[in-house]
N, C-alpha and C. Protein backbone atom coordinates (compact mmCIF):
# COMPACT_ATOMS: atom_id res chain seq x y z
N MET A 1 101.38 37.94 112.47
CA MET A 1 102.70 38.10 112.25
C MET A 1 103.23 38.49 110.80
N THR A 2 103.96 39.62 110.67
CA THR A 2 104.35 39.95 109.30
C THR A 2 105.39 39.10 108.72
N ASN A 3 105.32 38.64 107.42
CA ASN A 3 106.42 37.77 106.92
C ASN A 3 107.49 38.76 106.56
N LEU A 4 108.64 38.42 106.93
CA LEU A 4 109.77 39.24 106.64
C LEU A 4 110.55 38.44 105.43
N ALA A 5 111.33 39.29 104.70
CA ALA A 5 111.94 38.87 103.48
C ALA A 5 113.12 37.66 103.98
N CYS A 6 113.67 37.74 105.15
CA CYS A 6 114.55 36.92 105.54
C CYS A 6 113.87 35.68 106.20
N GLY A 7 112.67 35.74 106.54
CA GLY A 7 111.76 34.60 107.01
C GLY A 7 112.01 34.45 108.51
N CYS A 8 112.73 35.37 109.12
CA CYS A 8 113.02 35.16 110.61
C CYS A 8 112.65 36.43 111.35
N PRO A 9 111.58 36.29 112.17
CA PRO A 9 111.14 37.51 112.88
C PRO A 9 112.11 38.03 113.91
N GLY A 10 113.19 37.08 114.33
CA GLY A 10 114.05 37.59 115.13
C GLY A 10 115.15 38.51 114.54
N SER A 11 115.12 38.59 113.28
CA SER A 11 115.94 39.64 112.44
C SER A 11 115.39 40.98 112.44
N GLN A 12 114.10 41.17 112.69
CA GLN A 12 113.48 42.49 112.59
C GLN A 12 114.15 43.56 113.42
N VAL A 13 114.46 44.55 112.85
CA VAL A 13 115.14 45.68 113.43
C VAL A 13 114.09 46.28 114.32
N ARG A 14 114.55 46.59 115.65
CA ARG A 14 113.74 47.21 116.69
C ARG A 14 114.53 48.00 117.66
N THR A 15 114.04 48.94 118.19
CA THR A 15 114.62 49.72 119.35
C THR A 15 114.03 49.29 120.63
N ILE A 16 114.70 48.85 121.58
CA ILE A 16 114.13 48.42 122.86
C ILE A 16 114.15 49.82 123.84
N GLU A 17 112.83 50.09 124.08
CA GLU A 17 112.59 51.18 124.97
C GLU A 17 112.82 50.78 126.43
N LYS A 18 113.50 51.56 127.17
CA LYS A 18 113.71 51.23 128.51
C LYS A 18 113.26 52.45 129.31
N ASN A 19 112.54 52.07 130.56
CA ASN A 19 112.06 52.96 131.41
C ASN A 19 113.25 53.24 132.38
N GLU A 20 113.89 54.37 132.40
CA GLU A 20 115.15 54.57 133.17
C GLU A 20 114.68 54.55 134.69
N THR A 21 113.39 54.54 135.06
CA THR A 21 113.14 54.47 136.45
C THR A 21 112.93 53.01 136.95
N THR A 22 113.06 52.15 136.06
CA THR A 22 112.77 50.81 136.27
C THR A 22 114.21 50.31 136.98
N ALA A 23 114.25 49.96 138.17
CA ALA A 23 115.45 49.71 138.82
C ALA A 23 115.55 48.15 138.99
N SER A 24 116.80 47.79 139.33
CA SER A 24 117.11 46.39 139.55
C SER A 24 116.32 45.85 140.79
N SER A 25 115.79 46.66 141.43
CA SER A 25 115.10 46.32 142.68
C SER A 25 113.80 45.48 142.35
N GLU A 26 113.21 45.79 141.24
CA GLU A 26 112.00 45.02 140.90
C GLU A 26 112.41 43.29 140.71
N THR A 27 113.54 43.00 140.14
CA THR A 27 113.76 41.84 139.82
C THR A 27 115.05 41.23 140.94
N GLY A 28 115.66 42.20 141.45
CA GLY A 28 116.84 41.77 142.21
C GLY A 28 118.04 41.59 141.37
N ASN A 29 117.93 41.78 140.02
CA ASN A 29 119.05 41.73 139.15
C ASN A 29 119.34 43.06 138.45
N ARG A 30 120.59 43.28 137.98
CA ARG A 30 120.82 44.45 137.18
C ARG A 30 120.16 44.47 135.95
N PRO A 31 119.64 45.66 135.57
CA PRO A 31 118.99 45.44 134.19
C PRO A 31 119.83 45.46 132.91
N SER A 32 119.32 44.89 131.91
CA SER A 32 119.99 44.92 130.56
C SER A 32 120.17 46.33 130.11
N GLU A 33 121.30 46.56 129.50
CA GLU A 33 121.58 47.93 128.82
C GLU A 33 121.33 47.89 127.38
N LEU A 34 120.98 46.69 126.97
CA LEU A 34 120.78 46.63 125.46
C LEU A 34 119.55 47.38 125.07
N ARG A 35 119.76 48.26 123.98
CA ARG A 35 118.80 49.18 123.45
C ARG A 35 118.25 48.82 122.01
N GLN A 36 118.75 47.84 121.42
CA GLN A 36 118.37 47.57 120.10
C GLN A 36 118.48 46.04 119.77
N TRP A 37 117.85 45.69 118.69
CA TRP A 37 117.85 44.36 118.18
C TRP A 37 117.77 44.44 116.75
N PRO A 38 118.50 43.58 115.88
CA PRO A 38 119.47 42.53 116.33
C PRO A 38 120.77 43.12 116.69
N THR A 39 121.70 42.30 117.21
CA THR A 39 123.08 42.67 117.55
C THR A 39 124.20 42.20 116.61
N GLN A 40 123.83 41.01 116.02
CA GLN A 40 124.84 40.29 115.19
C GLN A 40 125.10 41.13 113.97
N LEU A 41 126.37 41.40 113.70
CA LEU A 41 126.70 42.21 112.63
C LEU A 41 126.16 41.96 111.24
N HIS A 42 126.07 40.57 110.94
CA HIS A 42 125.68 40.11 109.73
C HIS A 42 124.04 40.44 109.55
N LEU A 43 123.32 40.76 110.67
CA LEU A 43 121.98 40.96 110.68
C LEU A 43 121.51 42.47 110.78
N VAL A 44 122.54 43.39 111.24
CA VAL A 44 122.25 44.73 111.44
C VAL A 44 122.34 45.48 110.12
N PRO A 45 121.20 46.11 109.57
CA PRO A 45 121.34 46.80 108.35
C PRO A 45 121.96 48.15 108.52
N PRO A 46 122.84 48.61 107.71
CA PRO A 46 123.50 49.89 107.82
C PRO A 46 122.44 51.01 107.88
N THR A 47 121.11 50.82 107.62
CA THR A 47 120.09 51.83 107.67
C THR A 47 119.41 51.74 108.99
N ALA A 48 119.72 50.92 109.89
CA ALA A 48 119.00 50.88 111.07
C ALA A 48 118.78 52.24 111.78
N PRO A 49 117.65 52.50 112.24
CA PRO A 49 117.56 53.95 112.77
C PRO A 49 118.23 54.19 113.97
N TYR A 50 118.48 53.17 114.69
CA TYR A 50 119.14 53.29 116.02
C TYR A 50 120.66 53.64 115.87
N LEU A 51 121.24 53.51 114.60
CA LEU A 51 122.66 53.85 114.35
C LEU A 51 122.86 55.27 114.18
N GLN A 52 121.84 56.09 113.96
CA GLN A 52 121.96 57.48 113.95
C GLN A 52 122.54 58.23 115.04
N ASN A 53 123.68 58.87 114.84
CA ASN A 53 124.35 59.69 116.02
C ASN A 53 124.92 58.73 117.08
N ALA A 54 125.03 57.48 116.65
CA ALA A 54 125.36 56.44 117.87
C ALA A 54 126.73 56.45 118.11
N HIS A 55 126.98 56.09 119.43
CA HIS A 55 128.34 55.55 119.87
C HIS A 55 128.40 54.01 119.54
N LEU A 56 129.11 53.63 118.68
CA LEU A 56 129.15 52.20 118.14
C LEU A 56 130.07 51.40 118.94
N LEU A 57 129.50 50.30 119.40
CA LEU A 57 130.29 49.18 120.12
C LEU A 57 130.38 47.99 119.30
N ILE A 58 131.60 47.58 118.97
CA ILE A 58 131.83 46.37 118.14
C ILE A 58 132.52 45.41 119.08
N ALA A 59 131.72 44.38 119.40
CA ALA A 59 132.25 43.42 120.42
C ALA A 59 132.47 42.08 119.82
N ALA A 60 133.81 41.54 120.08
CA ALA A 60 133.94 40.06 119.81
C ALA A 60 133.01 39.26 120.50
N ASP A 61 132.41 38.21 119.90
CA ASP A 61 131.46 37.37 120.48
C ASP A 61 131.85 36.85 122.04
N CYS A 62 132.96 36.67 122.24
CA CYS A 62 133.50 36.03 123.56
C CYS A 62 133.47 36.96 124.72
N VAL A 63 133.71 38.26 124.36
CA VAL A 63 133.97 39.24 125.37
C VAL A 63 132.74 39.25 126.47
N PRO A 64 131.57 39.27 126.08
CA PRO A 64 130.47 39.35 127.23
C PRO A 64 130.51 38.16 128.04
N PHE A 65 131.03 37.11 127.54
CA PHE A 65 131.03 35.89 128.56
C PHE A 65 132.16 36.02 129.44
N ALA A 66 133.30 36.57 128.98
CA ALA A 66 134.60 36.61 129.76
C ALA A 66 134.59 37.81 130.82
N TYR A 67 133.90 38.99 130.38
CA TYR A 67 133.93 40.05 131.23
C TYR A 67 132.59 40.42 131.96
N PRO A 68 132.62 40.21 133.19
CA PRO A 68 131.15 40.23 133.89
C PRO A 68 130.56 41.48 133.95
N GLU A 69 131.12 42.61 133.66
CA GLU A 69 130.53 43.85 133.76
C GLU A 69 130.31 44.58 132.42
N PHE A 70 130.23 43.62 131.39
CA PHE A 70 130.06 44.06 129.92
C PHE A 70 128.91 45.01 129.75
N HIS A 71 127.81 44.85 130.31
CA HIS A 71 126.54 45.69 130.15
C HIS A 71 126.75 46.99 130.69
N ARG A 72 127.41 47.09 131.87
CA ARG A 72 127.56 48.36 132.63
C ARG A 72 128.66 49.18 132.01
N ASP A 73 129.74 48.54 131.66
CA ASP A 73 130.92 49.07 131.26
C ASP A 73 131.02 49.44 129.80
N PHE A 74 130.31 48.70 128.95
CA PHE A 74 130.35 48.88 127.54
C PHE A 74 129.11 49.16 126.80
N ILE A 75 128.10 48.22 127.13
CA ILE A 75 126.73 48.56 126.21
C ILE A 75 126.01 49.80 126.66
N LYS A 76 126.07 50.15 127.96
CA LYS A 76 125.45 51.49 128.38
C LYS A 76 125.79 52.54 127.41
N GLY A 77 124.90 53.28 126.77
CA GLY A 77 125.06 54.35 126.08
C GLY A 77 125.70 54.11 124.61
N ARG A 78 125.58 52.84 124.30
CA ARG A 78 126.12 52.46 122.95
C ARG A 78 125.31 51.72 122.16
N VAL A 79 125.40 51.61 120.92
CA VAL A 79 124.72 50.56 119.96
C VAL A 79 125.66 49.60 119.82
N LEU A 80 125.27 48.23 120.10
CA LEU A 80 126.09 47.09 120.16
C LEU A 80 125.86 46.38 118.66
N VAL A 81 127.08 45.92 118.03
CA VAL A 81 126.94 44.90 117.11
C VAL A 81 128.25 44.01 117.47
N ASN A 82 127.94 42.64 117.37
CA ASN A 82 128.80 41.68 117.69
C ASN A 82 129.33 40.70 116.48
N ALA A 83 130.40 40.23 116.58
CA ALA A 83 131.00 39.44 115.55
C ALA A 83 132.09 38.54 116.08
N CYS A 84 132.52 37.50 115.25
CA CYS A 84 133.65 36.68 115.55
C CYS A 84 134.53 36.70 114.42
N PRO A 85 135.74 37.37 114.45
CA PRO A 85 136.62 37.41 113.34
C PRO A 85 137.31 36.09 113.01
N LYS A 86 137.21 35.17 113.85
CA LYS A 86 137.70 33.84 113.51
C LYS A 86 136.74 32.91 112.66
N LEU A 87 135.47 33.00 113.31
CA LEU A 87 134.38 32.06 112.74
C LEU A 87 133.40 32.64 111.71
N ASP A 88 133.36 33.87 111.65
CA ASP A 88 132.41 34.44 110.83
C ASP A 88 132.97 34.68 109.39
N ASP A 89 132.15 34.85 108.46
CA ASP A 89 132.51 35.29 107.14
C ASP A 89 132.70 36.70 107.19
N THR A 90 133.85 37.25 107.43
CA THR A 90 134.15 38.75 107.62
C THR A 90 134.29 39.60 106.39
N GLY A 91 134.22 38.77 105.19
CA GLY A 91 134.45 39.51 103.92
C GLY A 91 133.65 40.83 103.73
N PRO A 92 132.31 40.74 104.19
CA PRO A 92 131.64 42.03 103.92
C PRO A 92 131.62 43.09 105.07
N TYR A 93 132.41 42.67 106.08
CA TYR A 93 132.34 43.50 107.42
C TYR A 93 132.83 44.90 107.19
N VAL A 94 133.98 45.18 106.48
CA VAL A 94 134.47 46.46 106.32
C VAL A 94 133.59 47.29 105.69
N ASP A 95 133.02 46.89 104.44
CA ASP A 95 132.01 47.79 103.65
C ASP A 95 130.80 47.95 104.47
N LYS A 96 130.27 46.99 105.29
CA LYS A 96 129.06 47.26 106.21
C LYS A 96 129.40 48.15 107.14
N LEU A 97 130.45 48.04 107.86
CA LEU A 97 130.76 48.97 109.06
C LEU A 97 131.13 50.41 108.43
N ALA A 98 131.73 50.49 107.29
CA ALA A 98 132.10 51.79 106.77
C ALA A 98 130.74 52.50 106.32
N ALA A 99 129.80 51.83 105.86
CA ALA A 99 128.41 52.36 105.41
C ALA A 99 127.67 52.90 106.78
N MET A 100 127.76 51.99 107.78
CA MET A 100 127.06 52.34 109.15
C MET A 100 127.75 53.68 109.54
N ILE A 101 129.04 53.86 109.47
CA ILE A 101 129.69 55.04 110.05
C ILE A 101 129.57 56.20 109.12
N ALA A 102 129.63 55.94 107.90
CA ALA A 102 129.43 57.18 106.84
C ALA A 102 127.99 57.64 106.82
N ASN A 103 126.98 56.67 106.88
CA ASN A 103 125.70 57.15 106.63
C ASN A 103 124.80 57.50 107.85
N ASN A 104 125.50 57.31 109.04
CA ASN A 104 124.74 57.60 110.30
C ASN A 104 125.31 58.59 111.28
N ASN A 105 126.47 59.41 110.90
CA ASN A 105 127.02 60.21 111.73
C ASN A 105 127.50 59.65 113.13
N VAL A 106 128.03 58.32 112.93
CA VAL A 106 128.57 57.74 114.03
C VAL A 106 129.46 58.53 114.83
N GLN A 107 129.26 58.68 116.09
CA GLN A 107 130.17 59.66 117.10
C GLN A 107 131.51 59.05 117.48
N SER A 108 131.56 57.64 117.78
CA SER A 108 132.76 57.00 118.25
C SER A 108 132.56 55.61 117.87
N VAL A 109 133.60 54.83 117.93
CA VAL A 109 133.73 53.39 117.74
C VAL A 109 134.51 52.70 119.03
N THR A 110 134.00 51.85 119.68
CA THR A 110 134.66 51.19 120.54
C THR A 110 134.70 49.74 120.34
N VAL A 111 135.82 49.04 120.19
CA VAL A 111 135.91 47.61 119.92
C VAL A 111 136.36 46.89 121.06
N THR A 112 135.68 45.86 121.51
CA THR A 112 136.06 45.07 122.64
C THR A 112 136.46 43.75 122.06
N ILE A 113 137.72 43.27 122.28
CA ILE A 113 138.32 41.96 121.88
C ILE A 113 138.93 41.36 123.11
N MET A 114 139.04 39.92 122.77
CA MET A 114 139.79 39.01 123.73
C MET A 114 141.34 39.29 123.36
N GLU A 115 142.18 38.88 124.40
CA GLU A 115 143.57 38.81 124.14
C GLU A 115 144.19 38.01 123.11
N VAL A 116 143.38 37.01 122.78
CA VAL A 116 143.80 35.96 121.74
C VAL A 116 144.03 36.56 120.33
N PRO A 117 145.16 36.14 119.71
CA PRO A 117 145.49 36.68 118.42
C PRO A 117 144.42 36.79 117.41
N CYS A 118 143.51 35.81 117.34
CA CYS A 118 142.48 36.03 116.24
C CYS A 118 141.52 37.14 116.39
N CYS A 119 141.44 37.57 117.74
CA CYS A 119 140.51 38.74 117.93
C CYS A 119 141.01 40.10 117.28
N ARG A 120 142.24 40.15 117.14
CA ARG A 120 142.90 41.45 116.64
C ARG A 120 142.32 41.75 115.29
N GLY A 121 141.77 40.65 114.62
CA GLY A 121 141.27 41.10 113.33
C GLY A 121 140.10 41.95 113.41
N LEU A 122 139.34 41.90 114.29
CA LEU A 122 138.13 42.73 114.60
C LEU A 122 138.51 44.14 114.69
N ALA A 123 139.70 44.41 115.44
CA ALA A 123 140.05 45.79 115.54
C ALA A 123 140.61 46.33 114.22
N MET A 124 141.23 45.39 113.48
CA MET A 124 141.77 45.77 112.14
C MET A 124 140.69 46.08 111.17
N LEU A 125 139.47 45.39 111.28
CA LEU A 125 138.26 45.56 110.46
C LEU A 125 137.75 46.97 110.83
N ALA A 126 137.60 47.27 112.11
CA ALA A 126 137.04 48.57 112.63
C ALA A 126 137.91 49.62 112.03
N ASP A 127 139.15 49.62 112.17
CA ASP A 127 140.05 50.71 111.71
C ASP A 127 140.00 50.88 110.13
N ALA A 128 139.83 49.85 109.45
CA ALA A 128 139.68 49.85 108.03
C ALA A 128 138.36 50.45 107.64
N ALA A 129 137.37 50.18 108.36
CA ALA A 129 136.01 50.77 108.16
C ALA A 129 136.03 52.21 108.35
N VAL A 130 136.53 52.60 109.44
CA VAL A 130 136.58 54.11 109.75
C VAL A 130 137.37 54.81 108.55
N LYS A 131 138.43 54.38 108.22
CA LYS A 131 139.29 54.82 107.13
C LYS A 131 138.36 54.86 105.74
N GLN A 132 137.72 53.90 105.53
CA GLN A 132 137.07 53.68 104.30
C GLN A 132 135.77 54.67 104.20
N SER A 133 135.24 54.93 105.38
CA SER A 133 134.04 55.79 105.72
C SER A 133 134.27 57.21 105.29
N GLY A 134 135.58 57.64 105.48
CA GLY A 134 136.00 59.00 105.23
C GLY A 134 135.71 59.93 106.36
N LYS A 135 135.28 59.43 107.42
CA LYS A 135 134.98 60.20 108.62
C LYS A 135 136.04 60.25 109.55
N ASP A 136 136.25 61.35 110.45
CA ASP A 136 137.11 61.26 111.39
C ASP A 136 136.46 60.91 112.74
N VAL A 137 136.43 59.66 112.96
CA VAL A 137 135.80 59.03 114.12
C VAL A 137 136.73 58.36 114.95
N PRO A 138 136.74 58.64 116.38
CA PRO A 138 137.66 57.98 117.14
C PRO A 138 137.27 56.64 117.48
N VAL A 139 138.50 55.79 117.51
CA VAL A 139 138.35 54.41 117.75
C VAL A 139 139.17 54.13 118.88
N GLU A 140 138.46 53.30 119.81
CA GLU A 140 139.06 52.87 121.12
C GLU A 140 138.97 51.29 121.03
N VAL A 141 140.02 50.61 121.29
CA VAL A 141 140.08 49.22 121.44
C VAL A 141 140.42 48.77 122.72
N VAL A 142 139.59 47.95 123.40
CA VAL A 142 139.68 47.37 124.65
C VAL A 142 139.92 46.05 124.67
N VAL A 143 141.03 45.59 125.27
CA VAL A 143 141.30 44.18 125.37
C VAL A 143 140.98 43.56 126.59
N ILE A 144 140.41 42.37 126.52
CA ILE A 144 139.93 41.69 127.66
C ILE A 144 140.58 40.33 127.83
N GLY A 145 141.33 40.04 128.95
CA GLY A 145 141.86 38.79 129.19
C GLY A 145 141.04 37.56 129.34
N ILE A 146 141.65 36.32 129.01
CA ILE A 146 140.73 35.18 129.20
C ILE A 146 140.30 34.97 130.49
N ASN A 147 140.92 35.63 131.48
CA ASN A 147 140.42 35.48 132.86
C ASN A 147 139.54 36.45 133.28
N GLY A 148 139.06 37.38 132.29
CA GLY A 148 137.89 38.44 132.49
C GLY A 148 138.50 39.73 132.88
N GLU A 149 139.74 39.93 133.10
CA GLU A 149 140.18 41.26 133.28
C GLU A 149 140.46 42.09 132.18
N ARG A 150 140.32 43.42 132.43
CA ARG A 150 140.55 44.44 131.37
C ARG A 150 142.13 44.56 131.28
N ARG A 151 142.61 44.44 130.08
CA ARG A 151 144.13 44.44 129.99
C ARG A 151 144.54 45.65 129.61
N ASN A 152 143.78 46.78 129.15
CA ASN A 152 144.17 48.03 128.97
C ASN A 152 143.19 49.14 129.40
């Protein structure tokens, strides 16, 4: 095993190759749509190769637990980064997201948040990052109710 600067092999940037012909019939479960690692915004470097030409999904940490079709409706075809605007140190997030957008020709940004007030901060961070990047990238914000329903 290679020693990484951060000391954690789980932080190593990698693309997850999927065989599109692998169906859920093999396991009886719907396959994961995740195509990269890591996902935690603090751990994703702005230079990660999977960000190039990506459709970026910024998800509040609680959304995948509340919304049962998260993989199918949101991760599929996108690069995921997740964060919690209430519990994380979000100080570096605008600069980091702006660098991701500016340096990788990001095509779009989708932000999934919960209906609770603290989650709105994640949408504001995304808007500020797009503005700071100097790029004209569309931003869509999707709000999920605490009962798991899509609110918009």
